[in-house]
């Protein structure tokens, strides 16, 4: 996307649900999106 106002071009990552977007730099795999799931909420709350 073109972010406009001189911000330049960006990759816009978007997510709804528990499909995922990752980035890979040749060494590290990073999950960019956050799962919208019951278990993710439990993890975030420190319950599991």
ModelCIF file with pLDDT and N, C-alpha, C, O atoms, coordinates in Angstrom:
data_MODEL
#
_entry.id   MODEL 
#
_entity.id                         1 
_entity.type                       polymer 
_entity.pdbx_number_of_molecules   1 
#
_entity_poly.entity_id                      1 
_entity_poly.type                           'polypeptide(L)' 
_entity_poly.nstd_linkage                   no 
_entity_poly.nstd_monomer                   no 
_entity_poly.pdbx_seq_one_letter_code       
;(UNK)(UNK)(UNK)(UNK)(UNK)(UNK)(UNK)(UNK)(UNK)(UNK)(UNK)(UNK)(UNK)(UNK)(UNK)(UNK)
(UNK)(UNK)(UNK)(UNK)(UNK)(UNK)(UNK)(UNK)(UNK)(UNK)(UNK)(UNK)(UNK)(UNK)(UNK)(UNK)
(UNK)(UNK)(UNK)(UNK)(UNK)(UNK)(UNK)(UNK)(UNK)(UNK)(UNK)(UNK)(UNK)(UNK)(UNK)(UNK)
;
_entity_poly.pdbx_seq_one_letter_code_can   XXXXXXXXXXXXXXXXXXXXXXXXXXXXXXXXXXXXXXXXXXXXXXXX 
_entity_poly.pdbx_strand_id                 A 
#
loop_
_entity_poly_seq.entity_id 
_entity_poly_seq.num 
_entity_poly_seq.mon_id 
_entity_poly_seq.hetero 
1 1  UNK n 
1 2  UNK n 
1 3  UNK n 
1 4  UNK n 
1 5  UNK n 
1 6  UNK n 
1 7  UNK n 
1 8  UNK n 
1 9  UNK n 
1 10 UNK n 
1 11 UNK n 
1 12 UNK n 
1 13 UNK n 
1 14 UNK n 
1 15 UNK n 
1 16 UNK n 
1 17 UNK n 
1 18 UNK n 
1 19 UNK n 
1 20 UNK n 
1 21 UNK n 
1 22 UNK n 
1 23 UNK n 
1 24 UNK n 
1 25 UNK n 
1 26 UNK n 
1 27 UNK n 
1 28 UNK n 
1 29 UNK n 
1 30 UNK n 
1 31 UNK n 
1 32 UNK n 
1 33 UNK n 
1 34 UNK n 
1 35 UNK n 
1 36 UNK n 
1 37 UNK n 
1 38 UNK n 
1 39 UNK n 
1 40 UNK n 
1 41 UNK n 
1 42 UNK n 
1 43 UNK n 
1 44 UNK n 
1 45 UNK n 
1 46 UNK n 
1 47 UNK n 
1 48 UNK n 
#
_struct_asym.id          A 
_struct_asym.entity_id   1 
#
loop_
_ma_qa_metric.id 
_ma_qa_metric.mode 
_ma_qa_metric.name 
_ma_qa_metric.software_group_id 
_ma_qa_metric.type 
1 global pLDDT . pLDDT 
2 local  pLDDT . pLDDT 
#
_ma_qa_metric_global.metric_id      1 
_ma_qa_metric_global.metric_value   85.92 
_ma_qa_metric_global.model_id       1 
_ma_qa_metric_global.ordinal_id     1 
#
loop_
_ma_qa_metric_local.label_asym_id 
_ma_qa_metric_local.label_comp_id 
_ma_qa_metric_local.label_seq_id 
_ma_qa_metric_local.metric_id 
_ma_qa_metric_local.metric_value 
_ma_qa_metric_local.model_id 
_ma_qa_metric_local.ordinal_id 
A UNK 1  2 97.00 1 1  
A UNK 2  2 95.00 1 2  
A UNK 3  2 88.00 1 3  
A UNK 4  2 83.00 1 4  
A UNK 5  2 79.00 1 5  
A UNK 6  2 78.00 1 6  
A UNK 7  2 80.00 1 7  
A UNK 8  2 90.00 1 8  
A UNK 9  2 95.00 1 9  
A UNK 10 2 96.00 1 10 
A UNK 11 2 98.00 1 11 
A UNK 12 2 98.00 1 12 
A UNK 13 2 98.00 1 13 
A UNK 14 2 98.00 1 14 
A UNK 15 2 97.00 1 15 
A UNK 16 2 97.00 1 16 
A UNK 17 2 94.00 1 17 
A UNK 18 2 93.00 1 18 
A UNK 19 2 96.00 1 19 
A UNK 20 2 97.00 1 20 
A UNK 21 2 98.00 1 21 
A UNK 22 2 98.00 1 22 
A UNK 23 2 97.00 1 23 
A UNK 24 2 95.00 1 24 
A UNK 25 2 93.00 1 25 
A UNK 26 2 90.00 1 26 
A UNK 27 2 92.00 1 27 
A UNK 28 2 95.00 1 28 
A UNK 29 2 96.00 1 29 
A UNK 30 2 97.00 1 30 
A UNK 31 2 96.00 1 31 
A UNK 32 2 97.00 1 32 
A UNK 33 2 96.00 1 33 
A UNK 34 2 91.00 1 34 
A UNK 35 2 92.00 1 35 
A UNK 36 2 81.00 1 36 
A UNK 37 2 71.00 1 37 
A UNK 38 2 59.00 1 38 
A UNK 39 2 67.00 1 39 
A UNK 40 2 63.00 1 40 
A UNK 41 2 60.00 1 41 
A UNK 42 2 67.00 1 42 
A UNK 43 2 62.00 1 43 
A UNK 44 2 60.00 1 44 
A UNK 45 2 65.00 1 45 
A UNK 46 2 67.00 1 46 
A UNK 47 2 67.00 1 47 
A UNK 48 2 65.00 1 48 
#
loop_
_atom_site.group_PDB 
_atom_site.id 
_atom_site.type_symbol 
_atom_site.label_atom_id 
_atom_site.label_alt_id 
_atom_site.label_comp_id 
_atom_site.label_asym_id 
_atom_site.label_entity_id 
_atom_site.label_seq_id 
_atom_site.pdbx_PDB_ins_code 
_atom_site.Cartn_x 
_atom_site.Cartn_y 
_atom_site.Cartn_z 
_atom_site.occupancy 
_atom_site.B_iso_or_equiv 
_atom_site.pdbx_formal_charge 
_atom_site.auth_seq_id 
_atom_site.auth_comp_id 
_atom_site.auth_asym_id 
_atom_site.auth_atom_id 
_atom_site.pdbx_PDB_model_num 
ATOM 1   N N  . UNK A 1 1  ? 0.827  -1.204  0.000  1.00 97.00 ? 1  UNK A N  1 
ATOM 2   C CA . UNK A 1 1  ? 0.000  0.000   0.000  1.00 97.00 ? 1  UNK A CA 1 
ATOM 3   C C  . UNK A 1 1  ? 0.860  1.252   0.000  1.00 97.00 ? 1  UNK A C  1 
ATOM 4   O O  . UNK A 1 1  ? 2.007  1.242   0.447  1.00 97.00 ? 1  UNK A O  1 
ATOM 5   N N  . UNK A 1 2  ? 0.284  2.324   -0.508 1.00 95.00 ? 2  UNK A N  1 
ATOM 6   C CA . UNK A 1 2  ? 0.870  3.659   -0.413 1.00 95.00 ? 2  UNK A CA 1 
ATOM 7   C C  . UNK A 1 2  ? 0.224  4.327   0.788  1.00 95.00 ? 2  UNK A C  1 
ATOM 8   O O  . UNK A 1 2  ? -0.958 4.671   0.754  1.00 95.00 ? 2  UNK A O  1 
ATOM 9   N N  . UNK A 1 3  ? 1.000  4.511   1.851  1.00 88.00 ? 3  UNK A N  1 
ATOM 10  C CA . UNK A 1 3  ? 0.449  5.040   3.105  1.00 88.00 ? 3  UNK A CA 1 
ATOM 11  C C  . UNK A 1 3  ? 0.093  6.510   3.020  1.00 88.00 ? 3  UNK A C  1 
ATOM 12  O O  . UNK A 1 3  ? -0.593 7.027   3.901  1.00 88.00 ? 3  UNK A O  1 
ATOM 13  N N  . UNK A 1 4  ? 0.552  7.212   1.958  1.00 83.00 ? 4  UNK A N  1 
ATOM 14  C CA . UNK A 1 4  ? 0.192  8.608   1.763  1.00 83.00 ? 4  UNK A CA 1 
ATOM 15  C C  . UNK A 1 4  ? 0.899  9.565   2.695  1.00 83.00 ? 4  UNK A C  1 
ATOM 16  O O  . UNK A 1 4  ? 1.610  9.141   3.606  1.00 83.00 ? 4  UNK A O  1 
ATOM 17  N N  . UNK A 1 5  ? 0.707  10.864  2.471  1.00 79.00 ? 5  UNK A N  1 
ATOM 18  C CA . UNK A 1 5  ? 1.286  11.932  3.301  1.00 79.00 ? 5  UNK A CA 1 
ATOM 19  C C  . UNK A 1 5  ? 2.792  11.783  3.475  1.00 79.00 ? 5  UNK A C  1 
ATOM 20  O O  . UNK A 1 5  ? 3.338  12.073  4.539  1.00 79.00 ? 5  UNK A O  1 
ATOM 21  N N  . UNK A 1 6  ? 3.454  11.327  2.416  1.00 78.00 ? 6  UNK A N  1 
ATOM 22  C CA . UNK A 1 6  ? 4.897  11.203  2.455  1.00 78.00 ? 6  UNK A CA 1 
ATOM 23  C C  . UNK A 1 6  ? 5.413  10.016  3.237  1.00 78.00 ? 6  UNK A C  1 
ATOM 24  O O  . UNK A 1 6  ? 6.624  9.860   3.398  1.00 78.00 ? 6  UNK A O  1 
ATOM 25  N N  . UNK A 1 7  ? 4.505  9.164   3.732  1.00 80.00 ? 7  UNK A N  1 
ATOM 26  C CA . UNK A 1 7  ? 4.931  8.011   4.533  1.00 80.00 ? 7  UNK A CA 1 
ATOM 27  C C  . UNK A 1 7  ? 5.566  6.920   3.693  1.00 80.00 ? 7  UNK A C  1 
ATOM 28  O O  . UNK A 1 7  ? 6.316  6.096   4.215  1.00 80.00 ? 7  UNK A O  1 
ATOM 29  N N  . UNK A 1 8  ? 5.278  6.903   2.404  1.00 90.00 ? 8  UNK A N  1 
ATOM 30  C CA . UNK A 1 8  ? 5.895  5.921   1.518  1.00 90.00 ? 8  UNK A CA 1 
ATOM 31  C C  . UNK A 1 8  ? 5.118  4.617   1.449  1.00 90.00 ? 8  UNK A C  1 
ATOM 32  O O  . UNK A 1 8  ? 3.996  4.503   1.941  1.00 90.00 ? 8  UNK A O  1 
ATOM 33  N N  . UNK A 1 9  ? 5.761  3.635   0.817  1.00 95.00 ? 9  UNK A N  1 
ATOM 34  C CA . UNK A 1 9  ? 5.108  2.349   0.577  1.00 95.00 ? 9  UNK A CA 1 
ATOM 35  C C  . UNK A 1 9  ? 5.363  1.400   1.742  1.00 95.00 ? 9  UNK A C  1 
ATOM 36  O O  . UNK A 1 9  ? 6.461  1.330   2.292  1.00 95.00 ? 9  UNK A O  1 
ATOM 37  N N  . UNK A 1 10 ? 4.309  0.676   2.093  1.00 96.00 ? 10 UNK A N  1 
ATOM 38  C CA . UNK A 1 10 ? 4.377  -0.264  3.208  1.00 96.00 ? 10 UNK A CA 1 
ATOM 39  C C  . UNK A 1 10 ? 3.683  -1.567  2.826  1.00 96.00 ? 10 UNK A C  1 
ATOM 40  O O  . UNK A 1 10 ? 2.827  -1.605  1.942  1.00 96.00 ? 10 UNK A O  1 
ATOM 41  N N  . UNK A 1 11 ? 4.074  -2.624  3.513  1.00 98.00 ? 11 UNK A N  1 
ATOM 42  C CA . UNK A 1 11 ? 3.282  -3.847  3.497  1.00 98.00 ? 11 UNK A CA 1 
ATOM 43  C C  . UNK A 1 11 ? 2.250  -3.710  4.605  1.00 98.00 ? 11 UNK A C  1 
ATOM 44  O O  . UNK A 1 11 ? 2.597  -3.499  5.766  1.00 98.00 ? 11 UNK A O  1 
ATOM 45  N N  . UNK A 1 12 ? 0.990  -3.829  4.242  1.00 98.00 ? 12 UNK A N  1 
ATOM 46  C CA . UNK A 1 12 ? -0.093 -3.780  5.212  1.00 98.00 ? 12 UNK A CA 1 
ATOM 47  C C  . UNK A 1 12 ? -0.485 -5.210  5.568  1.00 98.00 ? 12 UNK A C  1 
ATOM 48  O O  . UNK A 1 12 ? -0.953 -5.965  4.716  1.00 98.00 ? 12 UNK A O  1 
ATOM 49  N N  . UNK A 1 13 ? -0.291 -5.574  6.828  1.00 98.00 ? 13 UNK A N  1 
ATOM 50  C CA . UNK A 1 13 ? -0.666 -6.895  7.315  1.00 98.00 ? 13 UNK A CA 1 
ATOM 51  C C  . UNK A 1 13 ? -2.027 -6.771  7.973  1.00 98.00 ? 13 UNK A C  1 
ATOM 52  O O  . UNK A 1 13 ? -2.250 -5.846  8.753  1.00 98.00 ? 13 UNK A O  1 
ATOM 53  N N  . UNK A 1 14 ? -2.943 -7.685  7.673  1.00 98.00 ? 14 UNK A N  1 
ATOM 54  C CA . UNK A 1 14 ? -4.279 -7.624  8.266  1.00 98.00 ? 14 UNK A CA 1 
ATOM 55  C C  . UNK A 1 14 ? -4.704 -9.020  8.700  1.00 98.00 ? 14 UNK A C  1 
ATOM 56  O O  . UNK A 1 14 ? -4.332 -10.020 8.087  1.00 98.00 ? 14 UNK A O  1 
ATOM 57  N N  . UNK A 1 15 ? -5.492 -9.065  9.774  1.00 97.00 ? 15 UNK A N  1 
ATOM 58  C CA . UNK A 1 15 ? -5.863 -10.364 10.326 1.00 97.00 ? 15 UNK A CA 1 
ATOM 59  C C  . UNK A 1 15 ? -7.185 -10.304 11.077 1.00 97.00 ? 15 UNK A C  1 
ATOM 60  O O  . UNK A 1 15 ? -7.465 -9.369  11.827 1.00 97.00 ? 15 UNK A O  1 
ATOM 61  N N  . UNK A 1 16 ? -7.994 -11.351 10.844 1.00 97.00 ? 16 UNK A N  1 
ATOM 62  C CA . UNK A 1 16 ? -9.226 -11.595 11.593 1.00 97.00 ? 16 UNK A CA 1 
ATOM 63  C C  . UNK A 1 16 ? -9.313 -13.113 11.767 1.00 97.00 ? 16 UNK A C  1 
ATOM 64  O O  . UNK A 1 16 ? -9.463 -13.836 10.782 1.00 97.00 ? 16 UNK A O  1 
ATOM 65  N N  . UNK A 1 17 ? -9.221 -13.599 12.992 1.00 94.00 ? 17 UNK A N  1 
ATOM 66  C CA . UNK A 1 17 ? -9.289 -15.035 13.225 1.00 94.00 ? 17 UNK A CA 1 
ATOM 67  C C  . UNK A 1 17 ? -7.937 -15.639 13.542 1.00 94.00 ? 17 UNK A C  1 
ATOM 68  O O  . UNK A 1 17 ? -7.056 -14.961 14.071 1.00 94.00 ? 17 UNK A O  1 
ATOM 69  N N  . UNK A 1 18 ? -7.766 -16.939 13.214 1.00 93.00 ? 18 UNK A N  1 
ATOM 70  C CA . UNK A 1 18 ? -6.533 -17.625 13.586 1.00 93.00 ? 18 UNK A CA 1 
ATOM 71  C C  . UNK A 1 18 ? -5.713 -18.132 12.409 1.00 93.00 ? 18 UNK A C  1 
ATOM 72  O O  . UNK A 1 18 ? -4.813 -18.950 12.601 1.00 93.00 ? 18 UNK A O  1 
ATOM 73  N N  . UNK A 1 19 ? -6.002 -17.664 11.184 1.00 96.00 ? 19 UNK A N  1 
ATOM 74  C CA . UNK A 1 19 ? -5.008 -17.821 10.124 1.00 96.00 ? 19 UNK A CA 1 
ATOM 75  C C  . UNK A 1 19 ? -3.872 -16.857 10.460 1.00 96.00 ? 19 UNK A C  1 
ATOM 76  O O  . UNK A 1 19 ? -4.052 -15.968 11.291 1.00 96.00 ? 19 UNK A O  1 
ATOM 77  N N  . UNK A 1 20 ? -2.711 -17.016 9.833  1.00 97.00 ? 20 UNK A N  1 
ATOM 78  C CA . UNK A 1 20 ? -1.546 -16.263 10.295 1.00 97.00 ? 20 UNK A CA 1 
ATOM 79  C C  . UNK A 1 20 ? -0.733 -15.626 9.179  1.00 97.00 ? 20 UNK A C  1 
ATOM 80  O O  . UNK A 1 20 ? -0.775 -16.044 8.022  1.00 97.00 ? 20 UNK A O  1 
ATOM 81  N N  . UNK A 1 21 ? 0.020  -14.582 9.582  1.00 98.00 ? 21 UNK A N  1 
ATOM 82  C CA . UNK A 1 21 ? 1.047  -13.970 8.737  1.00 98.00 ? 21 UNK A CA 1 
ATOM 83  C C  . UNK A 1 21 ? 2.359  -14.005 9.508  1.00 98.00 ? 21 UNK A C  1 
ATOM 84  O O  . UNK A 1 21 ? 2.435  -13.565 10.655 1.00 98.00 ? 21 UNK A O  1 
ATOM 85  N N  . UNK A 1 22 ? 3.395  -14.539 8.854  1.00 98.00 ? 22 UNK A N  1 
ATOM 86  C CA . UNK A 1 22 ? 4.741  -14.580 9.418  1.00 98.00 ? 22 UNK A CA 1 
ATOM 87  C C  . UNK A 1 22 ? 5.689  -13.764 8.538  1.00 98.00 ? 22 UNK A C  1 
ATOM 88  O O  . UNK A 1 22 ? 5.423  -13.541 7.357  1.00 98.00 ? 22 UNK A O  1 
ATOM 89  N N  . UNK A 1 23 ? 6.794  -13.326 9.131  1.00 97.00 ? 23 UNK A N  1 
ATOM 90  C CA . UNK A 1 23 ? 7.915  -12.793 8.343  1.00 97.00 ? 23 UNK A CA 1 
ATOM 91  C C  . UNK A 1 23 ? 9.100  -13.735 8.523  1.00 97.00 ? 23 UNK A C  1 
ATOM 92  O O  . UNK A 1 23 ? 9.222  -14.416 9.541  1.00 97.00 ? 23 UNK A O  1 
ATOM 93  N N  . UNK A 1 24 ? 9.968  -13.760 7.519  1.00 95.00 ? 24 UNK A N  1 
ATOM 94  C CA . UNK A 1 24 ? 11.144 -14.632 7.521  1.00 95.00 ? 24 UNK A CA 1 
ATOM 95  C C  . UNK A 1 24 ? 12.328 -13.827 6.989  1.00 95.00 ? 24 UNK A C  1 
ATOM 96  O O  . UNK A 1 24 ? 12.293 -13.337 5.861  1.00 95.00 ? 24 UNK A O  1 
ATOM 97  N N  . UNK A 1 25 ? 13.375 -13.692 7.801  1.00 93.00 ? 25 UNK A N  1 
ATOM 98  C CA . UNK A 1 25 ? 14.533 -12.903 7.388  1.00 93.00 ? 25 UNK A CA 1 
ATOM 99  C C  . UNK A 1 25 ? 15.742 -13.756 7.009  1.00 93.00 ? 25 UNK A C  1 
ATOM 100 O O  . UNK A 1 25 ? 16.856 -13.245 6.889  1.00 93.00 ? 25 UNK A O  1 
ATOM 101 N N  . UNK A 1 26 ? 15.520 -15.041 6.825  1.00 90.00 ? 26 UNK A N  1 
ATOM 102 C CA . UNK A 1 26 ? 16.612 -15.955 6.489  1.00 90.00 ? 26 UNK A CA 1 
ATOM 103 C C  . UNK A 1 26 ? 17.129 -16.715 7.694  1.00 90.00 ? 26 UNK A C  1 
ATOM 104 O O  . UNK A 1 26 ? 17.797 -17.740 7.555  1.00 90.00 ? 26 UNK A O  1 
ATOM 105 N N  . UNK A 1 27 ? 16.818 -16.208 8.877  1.00 92.00 ? 27 UNK A N  1 
ATOM 106 C CA . UNK A 1 27 ? 17.242 -16.875 10.118 1.00 92.00 ? 27 UNK A CA 1 
ATOM 107 C C  . UNK A 1 27 ? 16.106 -17.018 11.126 1.00 92.00 ? 27 UNK A C  1 
ATOM 108 O O  . UNK A 1 27 ? 16.016 -18.015 11.842 1.00 92.00 ? 27 UNK A O  1 
ATOM 109 N N  . UNK A 1 28 ? 15.242 -16.008 11.168 1.00 95.00 ? 28 UNK A N  1 
ATOM 110 C CA . UNK A 1 28 ? 14.207 -15.977 12.205 1.00 95.00 ? 28 UNK A CA 1 
ATOM 111 C C  . UNK A 1 28 ? 12.824 -15.924 11.587 1.00 95.00 ? 28 UNK A C  1 
ATOM 112 O O  . UNK A 1 28 ? 12.552 -15.111 10.704 1.00 95.00 ? 28 UNK A O  1 
ATOM 113 N N  . UNK A 1 29 ? 11.953 -16.804 12.065 1.00 96.00 ? 29 UNK A N  1 
ATOM 114 C CA . UNK A 1 29 ? 10.542 -16.787 11.689 1.00 96.00 ? 29 UNK A CA 1 
ATOM 115 C C  . UNK A 1 29 ? 9.785  -16.045 12.783 1.00 96.00 ? 29 UNK A C  1 
ATOM 116 O O  . UNK A 1 29 ? 9.853  -16.424 13.952 1.00 96.00 ? 29 UNK A O  1 
ATOM 117 N N  . UNK A 1 30 ? 9.058  -14.983 12.408 1.00 97.00 ? 30 UNK A N  1 
ATOM 118 C CA . UNK A 1 30 ? 8.324  -14.189 13.385 1.00 97.00 ? 30 UNK A CA 1 
ATOM 119 C C  . UNK A 1 30 ? 6.850  -14.139 13.021 1.00 97.00 ? 30 UNK A C  1 
ATOM 120 O O  . UNK A 1 30 ? 6.498  -13.774 11.899 1.00 97.00 ? 30 UNK A O  1 
ATOM 121 N N  . UNK A 1 31 ? 5.999  -14.499 13.945 1.00 96.00 ? 31 UNK A N  1 
ATOM 122 C CA . UNK A 1 31 ? 4.567  -14.378 13.720 1.00 96.00 ? 31 UNK A CA 1 
ATOM 123 C C  . UNK A 1 31 ? 4.175  -12.918 13.885 1.00 96.00 ? 31 UNK A C  1 
ATOM 124 O O  . UNK A 1 31 ? 4.312  -12.353 14.970 1.00 96.00 ? 31 UNK A O  1 
ATOM 125 N N  . UNK A 1 32 ? 3.687  -12.308 12.812 1.00 97.00 ? 32 UNK A N  1 
ATOM 126 C CA . UNK A 1 32 ? 3.310  -10.900 12.842 1.00 97.00 ? 32 UNK A CA 1 
ATOM 127 C C  . UNK A 1 32 ? 1.881  -10.712 13.329 1.00 97.00 ? 32 UNK A C  1 
ATOM 128 O O  . UNK A 1 32 ? 1.596  -9.767  14.065 1.00 97.00 ? 32 UNK A O  1 
ATOM 129 N N  . UNK A 1 33 ? 0.996  -11.589 12.930 1.00 96.00 ? 33 UNK A N  1 
ATOM 130 C CA . UNK A 1 33 ? -0.397 -11.490 13.343 1.00 96.00 ? 33 UNK A CA 1 
ATOM 131 C C  . UNK A 1 33 ? -0.577 -12.111 14.731 1.00 96.00 ? 33 UNK A C  1 
ATOM 132 O O  . UNK A 1 33 ? 0.276  -12.860 15.207 1.00 96.00 ? 33 UNK A O  1 
ATOM 133 N N  . UNK A 1 34 ? -1.695 -11.786 15.360 1.00 91.00 ? 34 UNK A N  1 
ATOM 134 C CA . UNK A 1 34 ? -2.042 -12.333 16.667 1.00 91.00 ? 34 UNK A CA 1 
ATOM 135 C C  . UNK A 1 34 ? -3.345 -13.111 16.529 1.00 91.00 ? 34 UNK A C  1 
ATOM 136 O O  . UNK A 1 34 ? -4.343 -12.580 16.042 1.00 91.00 ? 34 UNK A O  1 
ATOM 137 N N  . UNK A 1 35 ? -3.331 -14.369 16.959 1.00 92.00 ? 35 UNK A N  1 
ATOM 138 C CA . UNK A 1 35 ? -4.520 -15.203 16.827 1.00 92.00 ? 35 UNK A CA 1 
ATOM 139 C C  . UNK A 1 35 ? -5.691 -14.626 17.623 1.00 92.00 ? 35 UNK A C  1 
ATOM 140 O O  . UNK A 1 35 ? -5.545 -14.235 18.781 1.00 92.00 ? 35 UNK A O  1 
ATOM 141 N N  . UNK A 1 36 ? -6.841 -14.584 16.979 1.00 81.00 ? 36 UNK A N  1 
ATOM 142 C CA . UNK A 1 36 ? -8.077 -14.240 17.693 1.00 81.00 ? 36 UNK A CA 1 
ATOM 143 C C  . UNK A 1 36 ? -8.731 -15.566 18.078 1.00 81.00 ? 36 UNK A C  1 
ATOM 144 O O  . UNK A 1 36 ? -9.628 -16.054 17.391 1.00 81.00 ? 36 UNK A O  1 
ATOM 145 N N  . UNK A 1 37 ? -8.274 -16.127 19.170 1.00 71.00 ? 37 UNK A N  1 
ATOM 146 C CA . UNK A 1 37 ? -8.741 -17.438 19.592 1.00 71.00 ? 37 UNK A CA 1 
ATOM 147 C C  . UNK A 1 37 ? -8.876 -17.492 21.105 1.00 71.00 ? 37 UNK A C  1 
ATOM 148 O O  . UNK A 1 37 ? -8.281 -16.695 21.830 1.00 71.00 ? 37 UNK A O  1 
ATOM 149 N N  . UNK A 1 38 ? -9.677 -18.458 21.568 1.00 59.00 ? 38 UNK A N  1 
ATOM 150 C CA . UNK A 1 38 ? -9.877 -18.613 23.001 1.00 59.00 ? 38 UNK A CA 1 
ATOM 151 C C  . UNK A 1 38 ? -8.577 -18.976 23.704 1.00 59.00 ? 38 UNK A C  1 
ATOM 152 O O  . UNK A 1 38 ? -8.296 -18.471 24.791 1.00 59.00 ? 38 UNK A O  1 
ATOM 153 N N  . UNK A 1 39 ? -7.778 -19.854 23.089 1.00 67.00 ? 39 UNK A N  1 
ATOM 154 C CA . UNK A 1 39 ? -6.538 -20.263 23.754 1.00 67.00 ? 39 UNK A CA 1 
ATOM 155 C C  . UNK A 1 39 ? -5.516 -19.138 23.777 1.00 67.00 ? 39 UNK A C  1 
ATOM 156 O O  . UNK A 1 39 ? -4.733 -19.043 24.722 1.00 67.00 ? 39 UNK A O  1 
ATOM 157 N N  . UNK A 1 40 ? -5.503 -18.272 22.748 1.00 63.00 ? 40 UNK A N  1 
ATOM 158 C CA . UNK A 1 40 ? -4.577 -17.142 22.765 1.00 63.00 ? 40 UNK A CA 1 
ATOM 159 C C  . UNK A 1 40 ? -4.932 -16.189 23.908 1.00 63.00 ? 40 UNK A C  1 
ATOM 160 O O  . UNK A 1 40 ? -4.044 -15.626 24.547 1.00 63.00 ? 40 UNK A O  1 
ATOM 161 N N  . UNK A 1 41 ? -6.220 -16.011 24.161 1.00 60.00 ? 41 UNK A N  1 
ATOM 162 C CA . UNK A 1 41 ? -6.628 -15.162 25.273 1.00 60.00 ? 41 UNK A CA 1 
ATOM 163 C C  . UNK A 1 41 ? -6.198 -15.776 26.605 1.00 60.00 ? 41 UNK A C  1 
ATOM 164 O O  . UNK A 1 41 ? -5.821 -15.053 27.526 1.00 60.00 ? 41 UNK A O  1 
ATOM 165 N N  . UNK A 1 42 ? -6.253 -17.097 26.711 1.00 67.00 ? 42 UNK A N  1 
ATOM 166 C CA . UNK A 1 42 ? -5.804 -17.767 27.928 1.00 67.00 ? 42 UNK A CA 1 
ATOM 167 C C  . UNK A 1 42 ? -4.297 -17.629 28.110 1.00 67.00 ? 42 UNK A C  1 
ATOM 168 O O  . UNK A 1 42 ? -3.808 -17.434 29.222 1.00 67.00 ? 42 UNK A O  1 
ATOM 169 N N  . UNK A 1 43 ? -3.563 -17.736 26.988 1.00 62.00 ? 43 UNK A N  1 
ATOM 170 C CA . UNK A 1 43 ? -2.111 -17.544 27.042 1.00 62.00 ? 43 UNK A CA 1 
ATOM 171 C C  . UNK A 1 43 ? -1.782 -16.120 27.461 1.00 62.00 ? 43 UNK A C  1 
ATOM 172 O O  . UNK A 1 43 ? -0.931 -15.901 28.323 1.00 62.00 ? 43 UNK A O  1 
ATOM 173 N N  . UNK A 1 44 ? -2.460 -15.148 26.847 1.00 60.00 ? 44 UNK A N  1 
ATOM 174 C CA . UNK A 1 44 ? -2.209 -13.736 27.169 1.00 60.00 ? 44 UNK A CA 1 
ATOM 175 C C  . UNK A 1 44 ? -2.514 -13.433 28.632 1.00 60.00 ? 44 UNK A C  1 
ATOM 176 O O  . UNK A 1 44 ? -1.866 -12.585 29.245 1.00 60.00 ? 44 UNK A O  1 
ATOM 177 N N  . UNK A 1 45 ? -3.495 -14.126 29.185 1.00 65.00 ? 45 UNK A N  1 
ATOM 178 C CA . UNK A 1 45 ? -3.870 -13.909 30.578 1.00 65.00 ? 45 UNK A CA 1 
ATOM 179 C C  . UNK A 1 45 ? -2.975 -14.677 31.552 1.00 65.00 ? 45 UNK A C  1 
ATOM 180 O O  . UNK A 1 45 ? -3.107 -14.545 32.769 1.00 65.00 ? 45 UNK A O  1 
ATOM 181 N N  . UNK A 1 46 ? -2.060 -15.483 30.997 1.00 67.00 ? 46 UNK A N  1 
ATOM 182 C CA . UNK A 1 46 ? -1.156 -16.258 31.840 1.00 67.00 ? 46 UNK A CA 1 
ATOM 183 C C  . UNK A 1 46 ? -1.797 -17.480 32.467 1.00 67.00 ? 46 UNK A C  1 
ATOM 184 O O  . UNK A 1 46 ? -1.257 -18.040 33.421 1.00 67.00 ? 46 UNK A O  1 
ATOM 185 N N  . UNK A 1 47 ? -2.954 -17.907 31.940 1.00 67.00 ? 47 UNK A N  1 
ATOM 186 C CA . UNK A 1 47 ? -3.672 -19.045 32.521 1.00 67.00 ? 47 UNK A CA 1 
ATOM 187 C C  . UNK A 1 47 ? -3.181 -20.380 31.982 1.00 67.00 ? 47 UNK A C  1 
ATOM 188 O O  . UNK A 1 47 ? -3.305 -21.402 32.657 1.00 67.00 ? 47 UNK A O  1 
ATOM 189 N N  . UNK A 1 48 ? -2.623 -20.385 30.771 1.00 65.00 ? 48 UNK A N  1 
ATOM 190 C CA . UNK A 1 48 ? -2.007 -21.589 30.226 1.00 65.00 ? 48 UNK A CA 1 
ATOM 191 C C  . UNK A 1 48 ? -0.703 -21.195 29.546 1.00 65.00 ? 48 UNK A C  1 
ATOM 192 O O  . UNK A 1 48 ? -0.003 -22.053 29.008 1.00 65.00 ? 48 UNK A O  1 
#
